[in-house]
N, C-alpha and C. Protein backbone atom coordinates (compact mmCIF):
# COMPACT_ATOMS: atom_id res chain seq x y z
N MET A 1 71.88 151.84 89.06
CA MET A 1 73.14 152.38 88.58
C MET A 1 74.31 151.65 89.26
N THR A 2 74.22 151.47 90.58
CA THR A 2 75.28 150.81 91.32
C THR A 2 75.44 149.35 90.88
N ILE A 3 74.35 148.67 90.71
CA ILE A 3 74.38 147.27 90.27
C ILE A 3 75.00 147.18 88.87
N SER A 4 74.60 148.08 88.00
CA SER A 4 75.15 148.10 86.64
C SER A 4 76.66 148.32 86.67
N LEU A 5 77.11 149.22 87.51
CA LEU A 5 78.53 149.50 87.64
C LEU A 5 79.28 148.28 88.16
N GLU A 6 78.71 147.61 89.15
CA GLU A 6 79.35 146.41 89.70
C GLU A 6 79.42 145.29 88.66
N LEU A 7 78.35 145.13 87.88
CA LEU A 7 78.35 144.11 86.83
C LEU A 7 79.42 144.39 85.78
N ARG A 8 79.57 145.65 85.39
CA ARG A 8 80.60 146.00 84.41
C ARG A 8 81.99 145.76 84.98
N LYS A 9 82.18 146.11 86.24
CA LYS A 9 83.48 145.89 86.89
C LYS A 9 83.81 144.40 86.95
N THR A 10 82.83 143.59 87.31
CA THR A 10 83.03 142.15 87.38
C THR A 10 83.37 141.58 86.01
N LYS A 11 82.65 142.03 84.98
CA LYS A 11 82.92 141.56 83.62
C LYS A 11 84.32 141.98 83.18
N LYS A 12 84.71 143.19 83.50
CA LYS A 12 86.05 143.67 83.15
C LYS A 12 87.12 142.82 83.84
N ASP A 13 86.93 142.53 85.13
CA ASP A 13 87.87 141.69 85.87
C ASP A 13 87.99 140.30 85.26
N GLU A 14 86.86 139.74 84.85
CA GLU A 14 86.87 138.42 84.22
C GLU A 14 87.64 138.45 82.90
N GLN A 15 87.48 139.53 82.12
CA GLN A 15 88.20 139.64 80.85
C GLN A 15 89.70 139.76 81.08
N VAL A 16 90.09 140.49 82.10
CA VAL A 16 91.51 140.62 82.43
C VAL A 16 92.08 139.25 82.81
N LEU A 17 91.34 138.50 83.61
CA LEU A 17 91.80 137.16 83.99
C LEU A 17 91.91 136.24 82.78
N LYS A 18 90.97 136.36 81.84
CA LYS A 18 91.03 135.54 80.63
C LYS A 18 92.27 135.89 79.81
N ARG A 19 92.61 137.18 79.73
CA ARG A 19 93.79 137.60 78.98
C ARG A 19 95.06 137.10 79.63
N ARG A 20 95.09 137.05 80.95
CA ARG A 20 96.29 136.61 81.67
C ARG A 20 96.41 135.09 81.66
N ASN A 21 95.33 134.40 81.35
CA ASN A 21 95.30 132.94 81.40
C ASN A 21 95.66 132.36 80.03
N ILE A 22 96.95 132.32 79.74
CA ILE A 22 97.42 131.76 78.47
C ILE A 22 98.06 130.44 78.79
N ASP A 23 97.40 129.34 78.39
CA ASP A 23 97.84 128.02 78.79
C ASP A 23 98.72 127.35 77.75
N ASP A 24 98.30 127.29 76.51
CA ASP A 24 99.00 126.49 75.52
C ASP A 24 100.01 127.27 74.70
N VAL A 25 100.33 128.50 75.06
CA VAL A 25 101.26 129.29 74.29
C VAL A 25 102.67 129.17 74.86
N SER A 26 102.83 128.53 75.99
CA SER A 26 104.14 128.38 76.59
C SER A 26 105.09 127.70 75.62
N PRO A 27 106.32 128.25 75.46
CA PRO A 27 107.21 127.73 74.45
C PRO A 27 108.01 126.50 74.87
N GLU A 28 107.71 125.91 76.02
CA GLU A 28 108.51 124.78 76.48
C GLU A 28 108.28 123.56 75.61
N PRO A 29 109.31 122.77 75.45
CA PRO A 29 109.13 121.54 74.67
C PRO A 29 108.21 120.58 75.41
N PRO A 30 107.55 119.68 74.68
CA PRO A 30 106.59 118.76 75.30
C PRO A 30 107.20 117.93 76.42
N SER A 31 108.48 117.60 76.33
CA SER A 31 109.10 116.76 77.35
C SER A 31 109.17 117.46 78.71
N GLU A 32 109.19 118.80 78.68
CA GLU A 32 109.26 119.55 79.93
C GLU A 32 107.89 120.02 80.40
N LYS A 33 106.88 119.81 79.60
CA LYS A 33 105.56 120.30 79.93
C LYS A 33 104.87 119.32 80.87
N PRO A 34 104.46 119.77 82.07
CA PRO A 34 103.78 118.86 82.97
C PRO A 34 102.43 118.45 82.40
N ALA A 35 101.93 117.34 82.87
CA ALA A 35 100.65 116.83 82.39
C ALA A 35 99.55 117.84 82.64
N LYS A 36 98.65 117.97 81.68
CA LYS A 36 97.54 118.90 81.84
C LYS A 36 96.70 118.54 83.05
N GLY A 37 96.24 119.58 83.75
CA GLY A 37 95.40 119.35 84.90
C GLY A 37 96.19 119.11 86.18
N VAL A 38 97.51 118.94 86.06
CA VAL A 38 98.33 118.73 87.24
C VAL A 38 98.74 120.09 87.76
N SER A 39 98.42 120.37 88.99
CA SER A 39 98.83 121.64 89.57
C SER A 39 99.51 121.36 90.91
N LEU A 40 100.35 122.27 91.28
CA LEU A 40 101.09 122.12 92.53
C LEU A 40 100.53 123.05 93.58
N SER A 41 100.64 122.65 94.83
CA SER A 41 100.25 123.53 95.93
C SER A 41 101.35 124.56 96.13
N LEU A 42 101.07 125.56 96.91
CA LEU A 42 102.07 126.58 97.20
C LEU A 42 103.31 125.96 97.84
N ASP A 43 103.12 125.03 98.77
CA ASP A 43 104.26 124.37 99.42
C ASP A 43 105.09 123.58 98.42
N GLU A 44 104.43 122.90 97.49
CA GLU A 44 105.15 122.14 96.46
C GLU A 44 105.90 123.08 95.51
N ILE A 45 105.30 124.23 95.22
CA ILE A 45 105.96 125.22 94.38
C ILE A 45 107.22 125.73 95.07
N ILE A 46 107.11 126.05 96.34
CA ILE A 46 108.26 126.56 97.10
C ILE A 46 109.38 125.53 97.09
N LYS A 47 109.04 124.28 97.37
CA LYS A 47 110.03 123.21 97.38
C LYS A 47 110.66 123.04 95.99
N GLY A 48 109.82 123.04 94.95
CA GLY A 48 110.31 122.85 93.59
C GLY A 48 111.19 123.97 93.10
N VAL A 49 110.81 125.21 93.40
CA VAL A 49 111.61 126.36 92.97
C VAL A 49 112.99 126.33 93.62
N ASN A 50 113.06 125.81 94.82
CA ASN A 50 114.33 125.75 95.53
C ASN A 50 115.12 124.48 95.25
N SER A 51 114.63 123.65 94.33
CA SER A 51 115.31 122.41 93.96
C SER A 51 116.57 122.72 93.15
N SER A 52 117.48 121.76 93.11
CA SER A 52 118.69 121.91 92.29
C SER A 52 118.48 121.32 90.90
N ASP A 53 117.39 120.61 90.70
CA ASP A 53 117.08 120.01 89.40
C ASP A 53 116.37 121.04 88.52
N PRO A 54 116.98 121.41 87.36
CA PRO A 54 116.37 122.45 86.51
C PRO A 54 114.98 122.09 86.00
N VAL A 55 114.70 120.81 85.77
CA VAL A 55 113.37 120.41 85.30
C VAL A 55 112.33 120.63 86.40
N VAL A 56 112.68 120.29 87.62
CA VAL A 56 111.77 120.51 88.76
C VAL A 56 111.57 122.00 88.97
N CYS A 57 112.66 122.77 88.86
CA CYS A 57 112.55 124.24 88.98
C CYS A 57 111.61 124.80 87.92
N PHE A 58 111.77 124.30 86.70
CA PHE A 58 110.91 124.76 85.60
C PHE A 58 109.45 124.46 85.89
N GLN A 59 109.16 123.22 86.28
CA GLN A 59 107.77 122.83 86.53
C GLN A 59 107.17 123.64 87.68
N ALA A 60 107.95 123.87 88.72
CA ALA A 60 107.45 124.64 89.87
C ALA A 60 107.26 126.11 89.49
N THR A 61 108.17 126.64 88.70
CA THR A 61 108.06 128.04 88.28
C THR A 61 106.86 128.21 87.35
N GLN A 62 106.64 127.25 86.48
CA GLN A 62 105.47 127.30 85.60
C GLN A 62 104.18 127.21 86.43
N ALA A 63 104.17 126.35 87.42
CA ALA A 63 102.99 126.23 88.30
C ALA A 63 102.76 127.54 89.06
N ALA A 64 103.85 128.18 89.48
CA ALA A 64 103.74 129.47 90.18
C ALA A 64 103.14 130.51 89.25
N ARG A 65 103.64 130.56 88.03
CA ARG A 65 103.12 131.52 87.05
C ARG A 65 101.63 131.29 86.81
N LYS A 66 101.26 130.04 86.68
CA LYS A 66 99.85 129.74 86.44
C LYS A 66 98.99 130.10 87.64
N MET A 67 99.48 129.80 88.83
CA MET A 67 98.72 130.15 90.04
C MET A 67 98.54 131.67 90.12
N LEU A 68 99.58 132.40 89.78
CA LEU A 68 99.52 133.86 89.84
C LEU A 68 98.66 134.43 88.72
N SER A 69 98.52 133.70 87.62
CA SER A 69 97.73 134.18 86.49
C SER A 69 96.26 133.85 86.60
N TRP A 70 95.94 132.70 87.15
CA TRP A 70 94.57 132.19 87.10
C TRP A 70 93.70 132.63 88.25
N GLU A 71 94.25 132.75 89.41
CA GLU A 71 93.41 132.97 90.58
C GLU A 71 92.84 134.39 90.60
N GLN A 72 91.61 134.50 91.10
CA GLN A 72 90.95 135.80 91.22
C GLN A 72 91.76 136.72 92.12
N ASN A 73 92.19 136.20 93.25
CA ASN A 73 93.03 136.95 94.19
C ASN A 73 94.32 136.15 94.38
N PRO A 74 95.29 136.33 93.48
CA PRO A 74 96.50 135.51 93.57
C PRO A 74 97.25 135.75 94.88
N PRO A 75 97.92 134.73 95.38
CA PRO A 75 98.62 134.83 96.67
C PRO A 75 99.97 135.54 96.54
N LEU A 76 99.93 136.80 96.12
CA LEU A 76 101.16 137.56 95.89
C LEU A 76 102.03 137.63 97.14
N ASN A 77 101.42 137.97 98.27
CA ASN A 77 102.19 138.10 99.51
C ASN A 77 102.81 136.78 99.92
N SER A 78 102.14 135.68 99.67
CA SER A 78 102.69 134.37 100.02
C SER A 78 103.98 134.11 99.25
N PHE A 79 104.03 134.51 97.99
CA PHE A 79 105.23 134.32 97.20
C PHE A 79 106.36 135.22 97.70
N VAL A 80 106.00 136.45 98.08
CA VAL A 80 107.01 137.38 98.62
C VAL A 80 107.54 136.85 99.95
N GLU A 81 106.63 136.46 100.85
CA GLU A 81 107.02 135.99 102.18
C GLU A 81 107.82 134.69 102.12
N ALA A 82 107.58 133.87 101.11
CA ALA A 82 108.30 132.60 100.97
C ALA A 82 109.71 132.80 100.42
N GLY A 83 110.03 134.02 100.02
CA GLY A 83 111.37 134.31 99.51
C GLY A 83 111.59 133.83 98.09
N LEU A 84 110.53 133.63 97.34
CA LEU A 84 110.66 133.10 95.99
C LEU A 84 111.14 134.13 94.98
N ILE A 85 110.98 135.39 95.27
CA ILE A 85 111.35 136.42 94.29
C ILE A 85 112.84 136.35 93.97
N SER A 86 113.68 136.24 94.98
CA SER A 86 115.13 136.20 94.70
C SER A 86 115.51 134.97 93.89
N ARG A 87 114.85 133.87 94.11
CA ARG A 87 115.13 132.64 93.34
C ARG A 87 114.67 132.82 91.90
N LEU A 88 113.52 133.46 91.70
CA LEU A 88 113.04 133.72 90.34
C LEU A 88 113.99 134.65 89.60
N VAL A 89 114.55 135.62 90.32
CA VAL A 89 115.54 136.52 89.71
C VAL A 89 116.77 135.73 89.29
N GLU A 90 117.19 134.75 90.09
CA GLU A 90 118.31 133.88 89.71
C GLU A 90 118.01 133.16 88.41
N PHE A 91 116.78 132.70 88.25
CA PHE A 91 116.39 131.99 87.04
C PHE A 91 116.48 132.91 85.81
N LEU A 92 116.21 134.20 85.99
CA LEU A 92 116.31 135.13 84.87
C LEU A 92 117.73 135.17 84.32
N LYS A 93 118.69 134.95 85.17
CA LYS A 93 120.11 135.05 84.80
C LYS A 93 120.64 133.75 84.20
N SER A 94 119.85 132.70 84.21
CA SER A 94 120.27 131.39 83.73
C SER A 94 120.04 131.26 82.23
N SER A 95 121.04 131.64 81.44
CA SER A 95 120.87 131.63 79.99
C SER A 95 120.84 130.22 79.42
N LEU A 96 121.22 129.21 80.19
CA LEU A 96 121.19 127.83 79.72
C LEU A 96 119.77 127.28 79.64
N HIS A 97 118.86 127.90 80.36
CA HIS A 97 117.49 127.39 80.45
C HIS A 97 116.51 128.50 80.06
N SER A 98 116.35 128.72 78.76
CA SER A 98 115.52 129.83 78.30
C SER A 98 114.05 129.66 78.69
N TYR A 99 113.58 128.42 78.77
CA TYR A 99 112.18 128.20 79.16
C TYR A 99 111.97 128.57 80.62
N LEU A 100 112.95 128.30 81.43
CA LEU A 100 112.89 128.68 82.85
C LEU A 100 112.93 130.20 82.97
N GLN A 101 113.76 130.86 82.16
CA GLN A 101 113.80 132.33 82.15
C GLN A 101 112.42 132.89 81.81
N PHE A 102 111.81 132.32 80.79
CA PHE A 102 110.50 132.78 80.34
C PHE A 102 109.46 132.69 81.46
N GLU A 103 109.39 131.53 82.10
CA GLU A 103 108.41 131.33 83.17
C GLU A 103 108.71 132.24 84.37
N ALA A 104 109.99 132.40 84.70
CA ALA A 104 110.38 133.25 85.83
C ALA A 104 110.02 134.70 85.55
N ALA A 105 110.28 135.16 84.34
CA ALA A 105 109.95 136.54 83.98
C ALA A 105 108.45 136.77 84.07
N TRP A 106 107.68 135.81 83.59
CA TRP A 106 106.23 135.93 83.62
C TRP A 106 105.72 135.93 85.06
N ALA A 107 106.25 135.03 85.88
CA ALA A 107 105.83 134.98 87.29
C ALA A 107 106.17 136.29 88.01
N LEU A 108 107.36 136.82 87.74
CA LEU A 108 107.77 138.07 88.39
C LEU A 108 106.88 139.24 87.96
N THR A 109 106.52 139.29 86.69
CA THR A 109 105.65 140.38 86.26
C THR A 109 104.26 140.24 86.88
N ASN A 110 103.81 138.99 87.09
CA ASN A 110 102.52 138.80 87.77
C ASN A 110 102.61 139.24 89.23
N ILE A 111 103.73 138.91 89.88
CA ILE A 111 103.90 139.35 91.28
C ILE A 111 103.94 140.87 91.35
N ALA A 112 104.63 141.48 90.40
CA ALA A 112 104.76 142.94 90.39
C ALA A 112 103.46 143.66 90.04
N SER A 113 102.41 142.90 89.70
CA SER A 113 101.13 143.53 89.41
C SER A 113 100.45 144.03 90.67
N GLY A 114 100.92 143.58 91.82
CA GLY A 114 100.38 144.06 93.09
C GLY A 114 101.14 145.31 93.53
N MET A 115 100.43 146.31 93.98
CA MET A 115 101.05 147.58 94.34
C MET A 115 102.12 147.44 95.42
N GLU A 116 101.85 146.63 96.45
CA GLU A 116 102.82 146.49 97.53
C GLU A 116 103.99 145.59 97.13
N GLN A 117 103.78 144.74 96.15
CA GLN A 117 104.79 143.75 95.79
C GLN A 117 105.82 144.28 94.79
N ILE A 118 105.52 145.40 94.14
CA ILE A 118 106.46 145.97 93.17
C ILE A 118 107.80 146.23 93.84
N GLN A 119 107.78 146.80 95.02
CA GLN A 119 109.01 147.14 95.73
C GLN A 119 109.84 145.89 96.01
N ALA A 120 109.20 144.80 96.38
CA ALA A 120 109.92 143.55 96.65
C ALA A 120 110.62 143.03 95.39
N VAL A 121 109.95 143.14 94.25
CA VAL A 121 110.54 142.69 92.99
C VAL A 121 111.74 143.58 92.63
N VAL A 122 111.59 144.88 92.81
CA VAL A 122 112.68 145.81 92.51
C VAL A 122 113.86 145.56 93.45
N GLU A 123 113.58 145.42 94.74
CA GLU A 123 114.65 145.20 95.72
C GLU A 123 115.38 143.88 95.52
N ALA A 124 114.72 142.91 94.91
CA ALA A 124 115.37 141.61 94.64
C ALA A 124 116.29 141.69 93.42
N GLY A 125 116.31 142.83 92.76
CA GLY A 125 117.21 143.02 91.63
C GLY A 125 116.69 142.49 90.31
N ALA A 126 115.39 142.49 90.11
CA ALA A 126 114.82 141.91 88.90
C ALA A 126 114.89 142.84 87.69
N ILE A 127 115.04 144.12 87.90
CA ILE A 127 114.93 145.07 86.79
C ILE A 127 116.02 144.84 85.73
N LEU A 128 117.28 144.83 86.13
CA LEU A 128 118.37 144.66 85.16
C LEU A 128 118.29 143.33 84.41
N PRO A 129 118.09 142.19 85.10
CA PRO A 129 117.96 140.94 84.35
C PRO A 129 116.76 140.94 83.38
N LEU A 130 115.67 141.58 83.77
CA LEU A 130 114.52 141.66 82.86
C LEU A 130 114.87 142.50 81.63
N ILE A 131 115.57 143.61 81.85
CA ILE A 131 115.97 144.46 80.72
C ILE A 131 116.91 143.70 79.79
N GLU A 132 117.82 142.93 80.38
CA GLU A 132 118.79 142.18 79.57
C GLU A 132 118.12 141.10 78.72
N LEU A 133 116.93 140.66 79.12
CA LEU A 133 116.20 139.66 78.33
C LEU A 133 115.49 140.26 77.12
N LEU A 134 115.35 141.59 77.10
CA LEU A 134 114.68 142.23 75.98
C LEU A 134 115.53 142.06 74.72
N PRO A 135 114.88 141.81 73.59
CA PRO A 135 115.66 141.66 72.35
C PRO A 135 116.29 142.98 71.94
N ARG A 136 117.48 142.88 71.45
CA ARG A 136 118.20 144.08 71.00
C ARG A 136 118.06 144.16 69.48
N THR A 137 117.63 145.32 69.00
CA THR A 137 117.49 145.47 67.55
C THR A 137 118.39 146.54 67.03
């Protein structure tokens, strides 16, 4: 019974990871899409997110989102400790770069999937910018 329960739990976790792993649906134009198979380390992501170049910010934010989506145990605390949440919130407010907003919103929602990290996302002021991104009908 215990083994069966563990197998079902593992299968469920794998299905959740598959659902979160959406690679080719990103709406960025091909010119901004990094080469397939290229991934950045956490240090490179931190450096890129803090760059002044919007293309570098986009690529680093996309890499962050993918790292947070793909890994079995994503490094949520590392992103919080690196101070990336406030920078991602800044990206939400950048209406000139809708692709960057998209990636930042996705990365923030992945970070907020951790129970302890929700508070950090809220305290960084992400709620209002996220609400403002919702379509108005």
